[in-house]
Amino acid sequence: MNTLADSMKQLSLDTPPRSEPFSIPTDPFDKTSQSSRKAFDQALKEVPRYLFRLYSRYSVGSTDTEWVKSAYALAPPDPSEKRPQRNIVARSDKRKAAKDLHGHLAPRKFRSQDSNLVSWSSSLLFVLRYGVFLNQLDSAMYELADTHILVVDTTRLPAKSFVSDIALMRFFGDENEDLLNVRMNMRENGRFYTGEYLSQSALHVQGCCTTFTMLDIYQKGLYHLRDDFDKNGRWMKEVNRLREAFNSDSESTLTRHHRNAIEKLAELFEAPWRLPMAANFMTLLPFRLEDPQIHDLCATFCTTDYGEGILSLQNAFVEVSDHLPEVKQCRYIIDHWIVSLMLCKAQADLRYDLRRILAVAGQAHGEMGGSIRLENMHLLRSMEFEIANAEDALGYEKLAILKRRWGGDGSA
């Protein structure tokens, strides 16, 4: 028995944890204020369901479909050096922790190469544009076939595995005010808002992720969605330019090529990834709520076959910043699918009830030798007409529901 217990104990020691959570210490020596602790704990709950990470063989740390590890987690320990706490919010030296955070968030050429943090984004547009930028920077080094995007479902990973960059900057703002607050202001004014989230140390993602390459989406027709996606320019400048189209009053001009491209891109993924990825690829197209072609495109994916998958996407998004119009649009698309599915079910129920009423009435009419009064048959036919009108009304109600959720002007 002791041998079994010893073996289990050794196994637990040898098995690395699935993640390094952002947990604030509860010991009495920790000086974190109650207000900071409360705000940070709330931020840990406000994580989108799907996050994206671009990586290649030249990325700092390591990323694959089993583990995502920071550079610090990969570094062999130096016996002569005291290594700091892996959990950045648990470090006793808050000023050094704040400096390390700033080193990770610094512009690319100034970034720390031994950080224990790993960057993710809630914006597929931002991540894809980063891949285009790297390829334009050095096409030999950042080949499209070797540039991958990892997608994780955060609901299938341990709690507290992710936190937003802004929440972490606020947590350490008093420790490194000049550095972190300037960077936080740059994020919050929108010019450098990336929808960034961070994990730390090692994160076990096997069974909770999917991946694709930049070459995959090129071949499936990325540029049929946005033919200006590969325009040469600085990374964030081009991201902001692409986002400007979401705030334009010009009408969307969807074509058959757009629809085909989205359907082909979605084919890259199996369930349960196809629906959320289709929605995210649709966010590369700015559109307005009333656009009938968008409704037709949504209908392509909103079928009974996808019913369970669509409903599983409820609560996939937290409150979305106005600086991420593409992510807000993704939230709208998911809402559209959910409302459409519910109304489709209501329409099906109406048709079923009508058929039952008419079948029973017809049977009774025959059994009684046609003695059902003519006015009653007229009433049944009138009911059929009213139910058809009700089905039309449900379509209008769908638009009304979405307008109430997204503003009276119908903008996404």
Protein backbone atom coordinates (compact mmCIF):
# COMPACT_ATOMS: atom_id res chain seq x y z
CA MET A 1 0.00 0.00 0.00
CA ASN A 2 2.83 2.34 0.92
CA THR A 3 4.50 1.54 -2.39
CA LEU A 4 1.35 2.60 -4.27
CA ALA A 5 1.10 5.80 -2.23
CA ASP A 6 4.76 6.56 -2.84
CA SER A 7 4.31 5.92 -6.56
CA MET A 8 1.30 8.26 -6.73
CA LYS A 9 3.22 10.92 -4.82
CA GLN A 10 6.18 10.60 -7.17
CA LEU A 11 3.85 10.78 -10.18
CA SER A 12 2.33 14.01 -8.89
CA LEU A 13 5.81 15.45 -8.41
CA ASP A 14 6.91 14.44 -11.91
CA THR A 15 3.75 15.69 -13.65
CA PRO A 16 3.93 19.43 -14.36
CA PRO A 17 0.84 21.54 -13.59
CA ARG A 18 -1.45 22.37 -16.54
CA SER A 19 -0.95 26.10 -15.97
CA GLU A 20 0.60 28.71 -13.71
CA PRO A 21 -2.43 30.70 -12.46
CA PHE A 22 -2.33 34.43 -11.79
CA SER A 23 -3.18 33.97 -8.10
CA ILE A 24 -2.56 36.75 -5.59
CA PRO A 25 -1.11 35.33 -2.36
CA THR A 26 -3.40 35.14 0.65
CA ASP A 27 -0.60 35.30 3.22
CA PRO A 28 -0.62 38.23 5.69
CA PHE A 29 2.71 39.57 4.40
CA ASP A 30 1.33 40.37 0.96
CA LYS A 31 0.70 44.13 0.71
CA THR A 32 -1.83 44.07 -2.12
CA SER A 33 -4.76 46.35 -1.22
CA GLN A 34 -8.26 44.93 -1.07
CA SER A 35 -9.41 47.19 -3.91
CA SER A 36 -6.57 46.03 -6.17
CA ARG A 37 -7.17 42.43 -5.22
CA LYS A 38 -10.89 42.71 -5.98
CA ALA A 39 -10.35 44.45 -9.33
CA PHE A 40 -7.75 41.90 -10.38
CA ASP A 41 -9.90 38.93 -9.35
CA GLN A 42 -12.74 40.36 -11.45
CA ALA A 43 -10.40 40.78 -14.43
CA LEU A 44 -9.46 37.10 -14.18
CA LYS A 45 -13.12 36.24 -14.82
CA GLU A 46 -13.39 38.53 -17.86
CA VAL A 47 -11.54 36.44 -20.42
CA PRO A 48 -12.95 35.75 -23.91
CA ARG A 49 -13.65 32.16 -24.79
CA TYR A 50 -11.31 32.14 -27.81
CA LEU A 51 -7.78 33.54 -27.87
CA PHE A 52 -5.22 33.53 -30.70
CA ARG A 53 -1.43 33.29 -30.71
CA LEU A 54 0.85 33.59 -33.74
CA TYR A 55 4.12 31.66 -33.59
CA SER A 56 6.96 30.37 -35.73
CA ARG A 57 10.28 28.61 -35.16
CA TYR A 58 11.75 32.02 -34.29
CA SER A 59 9.22 32.87 -31.58
CA VAL A 60 10.47 33.44 -28.05
CA GLY A 61 9.64 30.42 -25.90
CA SER A 62 7.94 27.43 -27.49
CA THR A 63 4.42 26.88 -28.82
CA ASP A 64 2.75 23.76 -30.18
CA THR A 65 -0.55 21.94 -29.80
CA GLU A 66 0.56 20.35 -26.52
CA TRP A 67 2.35 23.05 -24.52
CA VAL A 68 2.83 26.80 -24.69
CA LYS A 69 5.92 27.75 -22.70
CA SER A 70 7.59 31.06 -21.98
CA ALA A 71 11.29 31.66 -22.57
CA TYR A 72 11.81 31.70 -18.81
CA ALA A 73 10.09 28.32 -18.40
CA LEU A 74 12.43 26.80 -21.00
CA ALA A 75 15.64 28.22 -19.54
CA PRO A 76 17.70 25.67 -17.57
CA PRO A 77 17.98 26.71 -13.91
CA ASP A 78 21.26 28.23 -12.81
CA PRO A 79 22.18 26.82 -9.36
CA SER A 80 24.07 30.00 -8.52
CA GLU A 81 21.14 32.26 -9.34
CA LYS A 82 17.98 32.69 -7.28
CA ARG A 83 15.09 32.41 -9.71
CA PRO A 84 12.05 34.61 -8.98
CA GLN A 85 8.56 33.30 -8.34
CA ARG A 86 6.96 32.06 -11.59
CA ASN A 87 3.66 33.70 -10.72
CA ILE A 88 4.29 37.39 -11.43
CA VAL A 89 1.56 38.70 -9.10
CA ALA A 90 2.96 36.63 -6.20
CA ARG A 91 6.45 38.12 -6.32
CA SER A 92 7.57 39.96 -3.23
CA ASP A 93 9.62 42.44 -5.27
CA LYS A 94 6.72 44.22 -7.00
CA ARG A 95 8.95 46.84 -8.59
CA LYS A 96 11.08 44.19 -10.30
CA ALA A 97 7.91 42.37 -11.38
CA ALA A 98 6.56 45.61 -12.90
CA LYS A 99 9.83 46.13 -14.74
CA ASP A 100 9.62 42.59 -16.12
CA LEU A 101 6.06 43.23 -17.29
CA HIS A 102 7.16 46.37 -19.08
CA GLY A 103 10.02 44.44 -20.68
CA HIS A 104 7.55 41.93 -22.07
CA LEU A 105 5.14 44.58 -23.40
CA ALA A 106 7.86 46.79 -24.92
CA PRO A 107 8.04 47.24 -28.71
CA ARG A 108 9.33 44.18 -30.51
CA LYS A 109 12.98 45.18 -30.90
CA PHE A 110 13.24 46.25 -27.23
CA ARG A 111 11.34 43.28 -25.82
CA SER A 112 12.76 41.07 -23.09
CA GLN A 113 14.00 37.72 -24.40
CA ASP A 114 13.69 35.88 -21.07
CA SER A 115 10.15 36.82 -20.06
CA ASN A 116 7.95 34.40 -18.17
CA LEU A 117 4.87 35.83 -19.91
CA VAL A 118 3.24 34.70 -23.17
CA SER A 119 1.08 36.97 -25.35
CA TRP A 120 -2.30 36.17 -26.89
CA SER A 121 -5.00 38.29 -28.55
CA SER A 122 -8.79 38.19 -28.76
CA SER A 123 -8.60 39.76 -32.25
CA LEU A 124 -8.02 37.46 -35.22
CA LEU A 125 -7.63 40.52 -37.46
CA PHE A 126 -4.76 41.78 -35.29
CA VAL A 127 -3.00 38.39 -35.25
CA LEU A 128 -3.37 37.79 -38.99
CA ARG A 129 -2.06 41.25 -39.77
CA TYR A 130 0.95 40.49 -37.55
CA GLY A 131 1.62 37.40 -39.67
CA VAL A 132 1.43 39.48 -42.86
CA PHE A 133 3.77 42.08 -41.34
CA LEU A 134 6.40 39.48 -40.40
CA ASN A 135 6.27 37.93 -43.86
CA GLN A 136 6.73 41.35 -45.46
CA LEU A 137 9.58 42.07 -43.05
CA ASP A 138 11.48 38.91 -44.01
CA SER A 139 9.71 36.42 -46.28
CA ALA A 140 12.60 33.94 -46.09
CA MET A 141 12.65 33.93 -42.29
CA TYR A 142 8.88 34.06 -41.77
CA GLU A 143 7.61 31.72 -44.45
CA LEU A 144 3.84 31.47 -44.67
CA ALA A 145 3.91 27.69 -44.27
CA ASP A 146 5.96 28.03 -41.08
CA THR A 147 3.90 30.81 -39.49
CA HIS A 148 1.15 29.28 -37.36
CA ILE A 149 -1.86 30.59 -35.46
CA LEU A 150 -2.88 28.66 -32.36
CA VAL A 151 -6.49 29.03 -31.17
CA VAL A 152 -7.43 28.00 -27.62
CA ASP A 153 -10.79 27.55 -25.94
CA THR A 154 -10.15 29.19 -22.58
CA THR A 155 -13.22 27.58 -20.98
CA ARG A 156 -11.46 24.20 -21.26
CA LEU A 157 -8.32 25.42 -19.48
CA PRO A 158 -7.76 25.96 -15.75
CA ALA A 159 -9.20 29.11 -14.17
CA LYS A 160 -6.90 32.13 -13.84
CA SER A 161 -4.69 30.96 -16.72
CA PHE A 162 -5.16 34.30 -18.54
CA VAL A 163 -5.46 37.96 -17.68
CA SER A 164 -5.62 41.07 -19.87
CA ASP A 165 -2.50 43.18 -20.31
CA ILE A 166 -4.35 46.27 -19.06
CA ALA A 167 -5.48 44.52 -15.86
CA LEU A 168 -1.89 43.48 -15.16
CA MET A 169 -0.59 46.99 -15.91
CA ARG A 170 -3.13 48.48 -13.52
CA PHE A 171 -2.11 45.97 -10.87
CA PHE A 172 1.53 47.11 -11.06
CA GLY A 173 0.92 50.74 -12.04
CA ASP A 174 2.04 52.18 -8.70
CA GLU A 175 5.31 50.25 -8.85
CA ASN A 176 6.50 51.49 -12.23
CA GLU A 177 4.29 54.47 -12.93
CA ASP A 178 6.33 56.24 -15.59
CA LEU A 179 6.80 53.15 -17.72
CA LEU A 180 3.56 51.21 -17.31
CA ASN A 181 1.07 54.07 -17.21
CA VAL A 182 2.41 55.58 -20.44
CA ARG A 183 2.04 52.19 -22.13
CA MET A 184 -1.43 51.69 -20.62
CA ASN A 185 -2.55 55.09 -21.92
CA MET A 186 -1.35 54.12 -25.39
CA ARG A 187 -3.53 51.01 -25.14
CA GLU A 188 -6.60 52.77 -23.78
CA ASN A 189 -6.64 55.62 -26.29
CA GLY A 190 -7.08 53.02 -29.01
CA ARG A 191 -3.96 53.58 -31.14
CA PHE A 192 -2.25 50.48 -29.77
CA TYR A 193 -5.22 48.49 -28.51
CA THR A 194 -4.48 44.88 -29.33
CA GLY A 195 -6.97 42.92 -27.24
CA GLU A 196 -3.95 41.33 -25.57
CA TYR A 197 -4.14 38.66 -22.88
CA LEU A 198 -1.26 36.98 -21.08
CA SER A 199 -0.49 33.53 -19.75
CA GLN A 200 2.63 32.70 -17.78
CA SER A 201 5.23 29.97 -17.52
CA ALA A 202 3.86 26.73 -19.06
CA LEU A 203 0.30 26.12 -20.27
CA HIS A 204 -0.90 22.65 -21.27
CA VAL A 205 -3.25 23.20 -24.24
CA GLN A 206 -3.53 19.68 -25.64
CA GLY A 207 -7.17 18.88 -26.42
CA CYS A 208 -8.17 22.52 -25.96
CA CYS A 209 -6.80 24.03 -29.16
CA THR A 210 -6.59 24.00 -32.94
CA THR A 211 -4.01 25.45 -35.30
CA PHE A 212 -3.57 26.61 -38.89
CA THR A 213 -0.89 28.35 -40.95
CA MET A 214 -0.82 31.62 -42.83
CA LEU A 215 -0.36 29.57 -46.00
CA ASP A 216 -3.60 27.68 -45.25
CA ILE A 217 -5.67 30.84 -45.23
CA TYR A 218 -3.89 32.33 -48.24
CA GLN A 219 -4.79 29.23 -50.22
CA LYS A 220 -8.39 29.30 -48.99
CA GLY A 221 -8.89 32.88 -50.16
CA LEU A 222 -8.05 35.33 -47.37
CA TYR A 223 -7.70 38.16 -49.86
CA HIS A 224 -11.15 37.56 -51.28
CA LEU A 225 -12.35 38.96 -47.95
CA ARG A 226 -10.07 42.00 -47.74
CA ASP A 227 -8.05 42.67 -50.88
CA ASP A 228 -6.21 45.39 -48.96
CA PHE A 229 -5.05 43.02 -46.22
CA ASP A 230 -1.50 42.70 -47.54
CA LYS A 231 -0.86 46.39 -48.07
CA ASN A 232 2.69 47.28 -47.03
CA GLY A 233 2.93 49.33 -43.88
CA ARG A 234 3.82 49.33 -40.21
CA TRP A 235 2.05 46.71 -38.14
CA MET A 236 -0.26 48.73 -35.86
CA LYS A 237 -0.72 51.48 -38.45
CA GLU A 238 -2.17 48.91 -40.84
CA VAL A 239 -4.32 47.35 -38.10
CA ASN A 240 -5.81 50.76 -37.38
CA ARG A 241 -6.36 51.39 -41.09
CA LEU A 242 -8.23 48.10 -41.43
CA ARG A 243 -10.32 48.99 -38.38
CA GLU A 244 -11.31 52.36 -39.81
CA ALA A 245 -13.57 50.57 -42.29
CA PHE A 246 -15.72 49.40 -39.36
CA ASN A 247 -16.53 53.00 -38.47
CA SER A 248 -17.32 54.02 -42.04
CA ASP A 249 -20.86 54.88 -43.14
CA SER A 250 -20.33 53.24 -46.52
CA GLU A 251 -22.45 50.17 -47.20
CA SER A 252 -20.83 46.75 -47.25
CA THR A 253 -20.45 45.22 -50.67
CA LEU A 254 -20.49 41.49 -50.14
CA THR A 255 -20.04 39.31 -53.18
CA ARG A 256 -20.23 35.64 -54.04
CA HIS A 257 -16.42 35.54 -53.71
CA HIS A 258 -16.71 36.75 -50.10
CA ARG A 259 -19.20 34.04 -49.25
CA ASN A 260 -17.17 31.33 -50.96
CA ALA A 261 -14.01 32.43 -49.17
CA ILE A 262 -15.65 32.30 -45.73
CA GLU A 263 -17.10 28.86 -46.42
CA LYS A 264 -13.72 27.57 -47.65
CA LEU A 265 -11.88 29.05 -44.66
CA ALA A 266 -14.36 27.38 -42.32
CA GLU A 267 -13.63 24.05 -44.02
CA LEU A 268 -10.14 24.15 -42.49
CA PHE A 269 -11.68 23.24 -39.13
CA GLU A 270 -13.59 20.32 -37.68
CA ALA A 271 -16.22 20.57 -34.95
CA PRO A 272 -16.27 22.22 -32.48
CA TRP A 273 -14.00 24.83 -34.09
CA ARG A 274 -15.75 25.40 -37.42
CA LEU A 275 -18.51 27.70 -36.16
CA PRO A 276 -16.40 30.03 -33.99
CA MET A 277 -13.73 30.25 -36.68
CA ALA A 278 -16.33 31.00 -39.37
CA ALA A 279 -17.63 33.81 -37.16
CA ASN A 280 -14.11 35.15 -36.62
CA PHE A 281 -13.28 35.12 -40.32
CA MET A 282 -16.53 36.98 -40.96
CA THR A 283 -15.21 39.75 -38.69
CA LEU A 284 -12.62 40.66 -41.32
CA LEU A 285 -15.55 42.15 -43.28
CA PRO A 286 -17.05 45.37 -41.91
CA PHE A 287 -20.82 45.46 -42.37
CA ARG A 288 -24.04 46.96 -41.07
CA LEU A 289 -26.84 45.14 -39.34
CA GLU A 290 -29.40 45.64 -42.11
CA ASP A 291 -27.25 44.14 -44.85
CA PRO A 292 -29.41 41.28 -46.25
CA GLN A 293 -26.37 39.53 -47.68
CA ILE A 294 -24.90 39.20 -44.20
CA HIS A 295 -28.13 37.59 -43.04
CA ASP A 296 -27.91 35.15 -45.95
CA LEU A 297 -24.30 34.36 -45.06
CA CYS A 298 -25.23 33.75 -41.43
CA ALA A 299 -28.03 31.46 -42.62
CA THR A 300 -25.39 29.32 -44.35
CA PHE A 301 -24.07 28.33 -40.94
CA CYS A 302 -27.31 28.58 -38.95
CA THR A 303 -28.88 25.19 -39.68
CA THR A 304 -30.25 22.51 -37.41
CA ASP A 305 -26.99 20.59 -37.86
CA TYR A 306 -25.17 23.43 -36.14
CA GLY A 307 -27.87 24.04 -33.52
CA GLU A 308 -26.06 22.56 -30.55
CA GLY A 309 -22.79 24.17 -31.60
CA ILE A 310 -24.37 27.61 -31.93
CA LEU A 311 -26.03 27.47 -28.53
CA SER A 312 -22.72 26.40 -26.97
CA LEU A 313 -21.25 29.74 -28.05
CA GLN A 314 -23.45 31.71 -25.68
CA ASN A 315 -21.34 33.79 -23.28
CA ALA A 316 -18.32 33.40 -25.56
CA PHE A 317 -17.51 37.09 -25.14
CA VAL A 318 -16.91 39.45 -22.26
CA GLU A 319 -17.55 43.18 -22.51
CA VAL A 320 -15.81 44.27 -25.70
CA SER A 321 -13.94 47.56 -26.05
CA ASP A 322 -14.99 50.03 -28.75
CA HIS A 323 -11.34 49.91 -29.83
CA LEU A 324 -11.92 46.34 -31.07
CA PRO A 325 -14.70 46.79 -33.66
CA GLU A 326 -13.84 43.49 -35.30
CA VAL A 327 -14.36 41.60 -32.02
CA LYS A 328 -17.62 43.45 -31.39
CA GLN A 329 -18.72 42.33 -34.84
CA CYS A 330 -17.88 38.72 -33.97
CA ARG A 331 -20.04 39.03 -30.89
CA TYR A 332 -22.85 40.35 -33.06
CA ILE A 333 -22.55 37.41 -35.46
CA ILE A 334 -22.79 34.89 -32.61
CA ASP A 335 -25.81 36.76 -31.23
CA HIS A 336 -27.35 36.70 -34.70
CA TRP A 337 -26.89 32.94 -34.95
CA ILE A 338 -28.38 32.32 -31.51
CA VAL A 339 -31.41 34.53 -32.14
CA SER A 340 -31.87 33.04 -35.62
CA LEU A 341 -31.74 29.51 -34.23
CA MET A 342 -34.33 30.28 -31.57
CA LEU A 343 -36.66 31.91 -34.08
CA CYS A 344 -36.18 29.05 -36.55
CA LYS A 345 -37.29 26.70 -33.79
CA ALA A 346 -40.33 28.89 -33.13
CA GLN A 347 -41.20 28.80 -36.83
CA ALA A 348 -40.86 25.02 -36.90
CA ASP A 349 -43.14 24.72 -33.88
CA LEU A 350 -45.74 26.92 -35.59
CA ARG A 351 -45.68 24.79 -38.72
CA TYR A 352 -45.99 21.62 -36.67
CA ASP A 353 -48.99 22.97 -34.76
CA LEU A 354 -50.65 24.06 -37.99
CA ARG A 355 -50.19 20.65 -39.59
CA ARG A 356 -51.64 18.93 -36.54
CA ILE A 357 -54.69 21.21 -36.50
CA LEU A 358 -55.37 20.77 -40.21
CA ALA A 359 -54.81 17.00 -40.08
CA VAL A 360 -57.21 16.54 -37.18
CA ALA A 361 -59.78 18.82 -38.80
CA GLY A 362 -59.50 17.04 -42.15
CA GLN A 363 -59.90 13.65 -40.52
CA ALA A 364 -62.95 14.80 -38.60
CA HIS A 365 -64.40 16.39 -41.71
CA GLY A 366 -64.13 13.07 -43.60
CA GLU A 367 -65.45 10.92 -40.76
CA MET A 368 -68.52 13.13 -40.39
CA GLY A 369 -69.31 12.97 -44.08
CA GLY A 370 -68.28 16.52 -44.71
CA SER A 371 -70.57 17.84 -42.01
CA ILE A 372 -68.04 20.25 -40.49
CA ARG A 373 -69.50 23.64 -41.05
CA LEU A 374 -68.01 25.58 -43.91
CA GLU A 375 -67.25 28.57 -41.69
CA ASN A 376 -65.05 26.34 -39.48
CA MET A 377 -62.97 25.28 -42.48
CA HIS A 378 -62.65 28.93 -43.43
CA LEU A 379 -61.45 29.55 -39.88
CA LEU A 380 -58.76 26.87 -40.22
CA ARG A 381 -57.57 28.34 -43.51
CA SER A 382 -57.52 31.74 -41.86
CA MET A 383 -55.34 30.28 -39.10
CA GLU A 384 -52.94 29.00 -41.75
CA PHE A 385 -52.71 32.51 -43.18
CA GLU A 386 -52.16 34.02 -39.72
CA ILE A 387 -49.39 31.54 -38.92
CA ALA A 388 -47.65 32.41 -42.18
CA ASN A 389 -47.86 36.07 -41.16
CA ALA A 390 -46.49 35.13 -37.74
CA GLU A 391 -43.48 33.50 -39.39
CA ASP A 392 -42.81 36.74 -41.28
CA ALA A 393 -43.20 38.66 -38.03
CA LEU A 394 -40.58 36.45 -36.40
CA GLY A 395 -38.13 37.51 -39.06
CA TYR A 396 -38.80 41.16 -38.25
CA GLU A 397 -38.58 40.39 -34.54
CA LYS A 398 -35.11 38.92 -35.09
CA LEU A 399 -33.94 42.22 -36.53
CA ALA A 400 -35.64 44.13 -33.71
CA ILE A 401 -33.95 41.98 -31.06
CA LEU A 402 -30.54 42.54 -32.59
CA LYS A 403 -31.17 46.27 -32.96
CA ARG A 404 -32.08 46.54 -29.29
CA ARG A 405 -28.86 44.73 -28.39
CA TRP A 406 -26.63 46.68 -30.75
CA GLY A 407 -28.15 50.14 -30.95
CA GLY A 408 -31.01 51.75 -32.82
CA ASP A 409 -28.96 52.64 -35.90
CA GLY A 410 -28.31 48.96 -36.57
CA SER A 411 -24.55 49.31 -36.63
CA ALA A 412 -22.50 46.37 -35.51
